[in-house]
Amino acid sequence: MAYEDFSLEAAESSFALVSRPVELFPGLRPVPVANWLRDYLDRGQHVAALVSEKARSEFLVVPILMAASELTASELAIYSGQRLDVDPARGLAGECDYIVALTPPLPRLKAPLITVLEAKKGDLEASLVQCAAQMVGARVFNERAGLGHLHVHGCVTSGEVWQFLRFEAEMLMIDRTRLFLDNVGGILAVLGEIFRANLTTDATAPQVAS
């Protein structure tokens, strides 16, 4: 078994997860969007044929992740296609579309903050479980590195639609709010909040409204 093989029932049973929908980032205001990002996204949507996951990744997902990393003064690294093989016997193995890590760019992965999964065929709902399994793997990775204080976040995106998750204790929290590309400032605000919440060892999780 690997990350993509889990069902919600299997994930909840294997890892004693309890999942529930919440408002993860209530009242969070959109941030200003850099001109370069607006221009790039506009050109991507009007020039590129966004009919494949690869095209959506190149023209939508990666630029947004890069712009979000600029919102912090700390060094972050974006890993593409990084394997996260932490416990293959439990199914915690496989490739992640993207991992954003609290580290300068290095060949070796350190301190995952957020796993980002491209929704296959644009189906966010079906991709949430795979993302959740990757988040469990990221937390195991962090705990082994002595970084158990970090909250693990996840994101499922089609490029045009973004939905965020947080894994804390044994609770998998799925944001009720889906953000769309016409609110790219809101997407950046959430990513920036996730990065800032994990940049210090004594960071506390943002308040969750149920």
Protein backbone atom coordinates (compact mmCIF):
# COMPACT_ATOMS: atom_id res chain seq x y z
CA MET A 1 0.00 0.00 0.00
CA ALA A 2 1.10 3.60 -0.66
CA TYR A 3 -0.38 7.04 -0.03
CA GLU A 4 -2.58 6.90 -3.12
CA ASP A 5 -4.10 3.56 -2.09
CA PHE A 6 -5.83 4.76 1.08
CA SER A 7 -9.55 5.22 1.47
CA LEU A 8 -10.93 7.48 4.19
CA GLU A 9 -12.02 4.44 6.20
CA ALA A 10 -8.57 2.83 5.88
CA ALA A 11 -6.78 6.03 6.88
CA GLU A 12 -9.01 6.57 9.91
CA SER A 13 -8.59 2.95 10.99
CA SER A 14 -4.83 2.70 10.37
CA PHE A 15 -3.88 5.98 12.03
CA ALA A 16 -6.76 6.48 14.50
CA LEU A 17 -7.71 9.69 12.72
CA VAL A 18 -10.83 11.67 13.42
CA SER A 19 -11.76 13.94 10.53
CA ARG A 20 -14.10 16.90 10.62
CA PRO A 21 -14.83 19.98 8.53
CA VAL A 22 -13.92 23.31 10.13
CA GLU A 23 -13.18 26.92 9.30
CA LEU A 24 -9.39 26.81 9.46
CA PHE A 25 -8.67 30.46 8.73
CA PRO A 26 -11.68 32.55 9.79
CA GLY A 27 -11.39 36.24 9.02
CA LEU A 28 -8.09 35.95 7.18
CA ARG A 29 -7.80 38.81 4.71
CA PRO A 30 -6.32 38.45 1.22
CA VAL A 31 -2.82 39.84 0.77
CA PRO A 32 -1.62 42.02 -2.12
CA VAL A 33 -0.62 40.01 -5.16
CA ALA A 34 2.69 40.79 -6.82
CA ASN A 35 2.41 42.11 -10.36
CA TRP A 36 4.66 39.37 -11.71
CA LEU A 37 2.32 36.70 -10.36
CA ARG A 38 -0.82 38.35 -11.74
CA ASP A 39 0.83 38.68 -15.15
CA TYR A 40 2.07 35.09 -15.12
CA LEU A 41 -1.28 33.61 -14.09
CA ASP A 42 -3.11 35.75 -16.62
CA ARG A 43 -0.82 34.66 -19.43
CA GLY A 44 -1.00 31.05 -18.28
CA GLN A 45 -4.78 31.04 -18.39
CA HIS A 46 -5.05 32.78 -21.75
CA VAL A 47 -2.07 31.36 -23.64
CA ALA A 48 -1.43 27.89 -22.23
CA ALA A 49 -3.72 24.94 -22.86
CA LEU A 50 -4.45 23.97 -19.24
CA VAL A 51 -5.79 20.55 -20.13
CA SER A 52 -3.20 18.45 -18.30
CA GLU A 53 -2.04 18.25 -14.69
CA LYS A 54 1.49 19.07 -15.85
CA ALA A 55 0.33 22.30 -17.51
CA ARG A 56 -1.71 23.34 -14.46
CA SER A 57 1.30 22.62 -12.28
CA GLU A 58 3.69 24.70 -14.37
CA PHE A 59 1.41 27.67 -15.02
CA LEU A 60 -0.69 27.84 -11.84
CA VAL A 61 0.51 25.81 -8.84
CA VAL A 62 4.26 26.43 -8.89
CA PRO A 63 4.04 30.24 -9.36
CA ILE A 64 1.60 30.53 -6.45
CA LEU A 65 3.85 28.45 -4.17
CA MET A 66 6.84 30.57 -5.17
CA ALA A 67 4.97 33.80 -4.49
CA ALA A 68 3.81 32.49 -1.10
CA SER A 69 7.37 31.64 -0.10
CA GLU A 70 8.27 35.30 -0.67
CA LEU A 71 5.87 36.31 2.11
CA THR A 72 8.30 35.18 4.81
CA ALA A 73 11.81 36.31 5.62
CA SER A 74 12.89 32.74 6.36
CA GLU A 75 14.26 30.28 3.89
CA LEU A 76 11.79 27.78 2.53
CA ALA A 77 12.33 25.10 -0.08
CA ILE A 78 9.78 23.73 -2.54
CA TYR A 79 10.38 20.08 -3.40
CA SER A 80 8.67 18.74 -6.52
CA GLY A 81 8.11 14.99 -6.91
CA GLN A 82 9.83 14.28 -3.58
CA ARG A 83 9.39 10.79 -2.17
CA LEU A 84 8.32 10.58 1.46
CA ASP A 85 9.05 6.97 2.40
CA VAL A 86 8.80 6.94 6.18
CA ASP A 87 7.05 3.64 6.94
CA PRO A 88 6.28 1.51 3.86
CA ALA A 89 4.88 -1.31 6.00
CA ARG A 90 2.05 1.03 7.08
CA GLY A 91 1.54 2.48 3.63
CA LEU A 92 3.42 5.70 4.41
CA ALA A 93 5.42 5.71 1.21
CA GLY A 94 5.22 7.28 -2.19
CA GLU A 95 5.81 10.46 -4.11
CA CYS A 96 4.38 13.84 -3.14
CA ASP A 97 3.56 16.34 -5.85
CA TYR A 98 5.04 19.13 -3.72
CA ILE A 99 6.44 19.54 -0.23
CA VAL A 100 7.23 22.95 1.20
CA ALA A 101 9.91 22.59 3.86
CA LEU A 102 11.44 24.82 6.51
CA THR A 103 14.95 24.76 5.12
CA PRO A 104 17.15 26.36 2.50
CA PRO A 105 17.13 24.37 -0.75
CA LEU A 106 19.05 21.18 -0.11
CA PRO A 107 19.23 17.77 -1.72
CA ARG A 108 17.95 16.25 1.52
CA LEU A 109 14.42 16.91 2.78
CA LYS A 110 14.14 18.58 6.18
CA ALA A 111 11.13 19.67 8.25
CA PRO A 112 8.10 19.40 5.95
CA LEU A 113 5.53 22.14 6.61
CA ILE A 114 2.92 21.41 4.00
CA THR A 115 2.25 18.73 1.42
CA VAL A 116 0.53 19.86 -1.76
CA LEU A 117 -1.35 17.36 -3.88
CA GLU A 118 -2.59 18.04 -7.38
CA ALA A 119 -6.16 16.78 -7.64
CA LYS A 120 -6.28 14.04 -10.22
CA LYS A 121 -8.75 14.89 -13.00
CA GLY A 122 -9.63 17.99 -10.96
CA ASP A 123 -11.39 15.88 -8.31
CA LEU A 124 -10.53 17.52 -4.97
CA GLU A 125 -12.84 15.29 -2.94
CA ALA A 126 -11.16 12.08 -4.07
CA SER A 127 -7.69 13.52 -3.43
CA LEU A 128 -8.27 14.61 0.18
CA VAL A 129 -7.55 11.14 1.60
CA GLN A 130 -4.25 10.78 -0.26
CA CYS A 131 -3.21 14.21 0.99
CA ALA A 132 -4.18 13.23 4.55
CA ALA A 133 -2.00 10.10 4.34
CA GLN A 134 0.92 12.22 3.14
CA MET A 135 0.37 14.56 6.09
CA VAL A 136 0.61 11.59 8.46
CA GLY A 137 3.88 10.66 6.75
CA ALA A 138 5.16 14.23 7.11
CA ARG A 139 4.38 14.22 10.82
CA VAL A 140 6.20 10.92 11.33
CA PHE A 141 9.17 12.41 9.45
CA ASN A 142 9.13 15.50 11.68
CA GLU A 143 8.79 13.52 14.90
CA ARG A 144 11.79 11.37 14.00
CA ALA A 145 13.75 14.56 13.42
CA GLY A 146 12.75 15.88 16.83
CA LEU A 147 10.34 18.38 15.33
CA GLY A 148 7.07 17.10 16.75
CA HIS A 149 5.97 20.65 17.61
CA LEU A 150 5.28 21.47 13.99
CA HIS A 151 1.70 21.41 12.81
CA VAL A 152 1.41 19.56 9.53
CA HIS A 153 -0.72 21.15 6.84
CA GLY A 154 -1.87 19.88 3.51
CA CYS A 155 -3.45 21.27 0.40
CA VAL A 156 -5.34 19.73 -2.48
CA THR A 157 -5.55 21.81 -5.63
CA SER A 158 -6.62 21.61 -9.23
CA GLY A 159 -4.74 24.85 -9.88
CA GLU A 160 -8.00 26.78 -10.14
CA VAL A 161 -9.40 25.54 -6.79
CA TRP A 162 -7.51 25.15 -3.48
CA GLN A 163 -8.61 23.39 -0.28
CA PHE A 164 -6.49 23.22 2.88
CA LEU A 165 -6.16 20.69 5.71
CA ARG A 166 -4.43 20.57 9.09
CA PHE A 167 -3.33 17.54 11.07
CA GLU A 168 -3.05 18.16 14.82
CA ALA A 169 -2.90 15.44 17.49
CA GLU A 170 -5.19 12.80 15.95
CA MET A 171 -7.57 15.33 14.40
CA LEU A 172 -7.66 15.83 10.66
CA MET A 173 -9.28 19.20 10.02
CA ILE A 174 -10.56 19.90 6.52
CA ASP A 175 -11.29 23.51 5.68
CA ARG A 176 -14.90 24.07 4.71
CA THR A 177 -13.81 26.94 2.48
CA ARG A 178 -12.45 26.29 -0.97
CA LEU A 179 -10.49 29.13 -2.51
CA PHE A 180 -10.62 29.92 -6.21
CA LEU A 181 -8.06 31.41 -8.53
CA ASP A 182 -9.95 34.70 -8.76
CA ASN A 183 -9.01 35.09 -5.07
CA VAL A 184 -5.32 34.40 -5.42
CA GLY A 185 -4.66 36.94 -2.65
CA GLY A 186 -6.69 34.72 -0.32
CA ILE A 187 -4.71 31.62 -1.36
CA LEU A 188 -1.46 33.45 -0.67
CA ALA A 189 -2.76 34.66 2.69
CA VAL A 190 -3.50 31.09 3.81
CA LEU A 191 -0.12 29.79 2.63
CA GLY A 192 1.65 32.68 4.34
CA GLU A 193 -0.27 32.03 7.57
CA ILE A 194 0.74 28.37 7.47
CA PHE A 195 4.40 29.26 6.97
CA ARG A 196 4.43 31.87 9.75
CA ALA A 197 2.61 29.56 12.19
CA ASN A 198 5.40 27.02 11.88
CA LEU A 199 8.47 29.21 11.63
CA THR A 200 9.16 29.28 15.37
CA THR A 201 9.34 26.31 17.70
CA ASP A 202 6.88 27.84 20.14
CA ALA A 203 4.32 28.75 17.47
CA THR A 204 0.75 28.09 18.42
CA ALA A 205 -1.81 26.95 15.89
CA PRO A 206 -4.22 29.55 14.54
CA GLN A 207 -7.65 29.35 16.17
CA VAL A 208 -10.03 26.97 14.49
CA ALA A 209 -13.73 27.75 14.33
CA SER A 210 -15.92 24.67 14.17
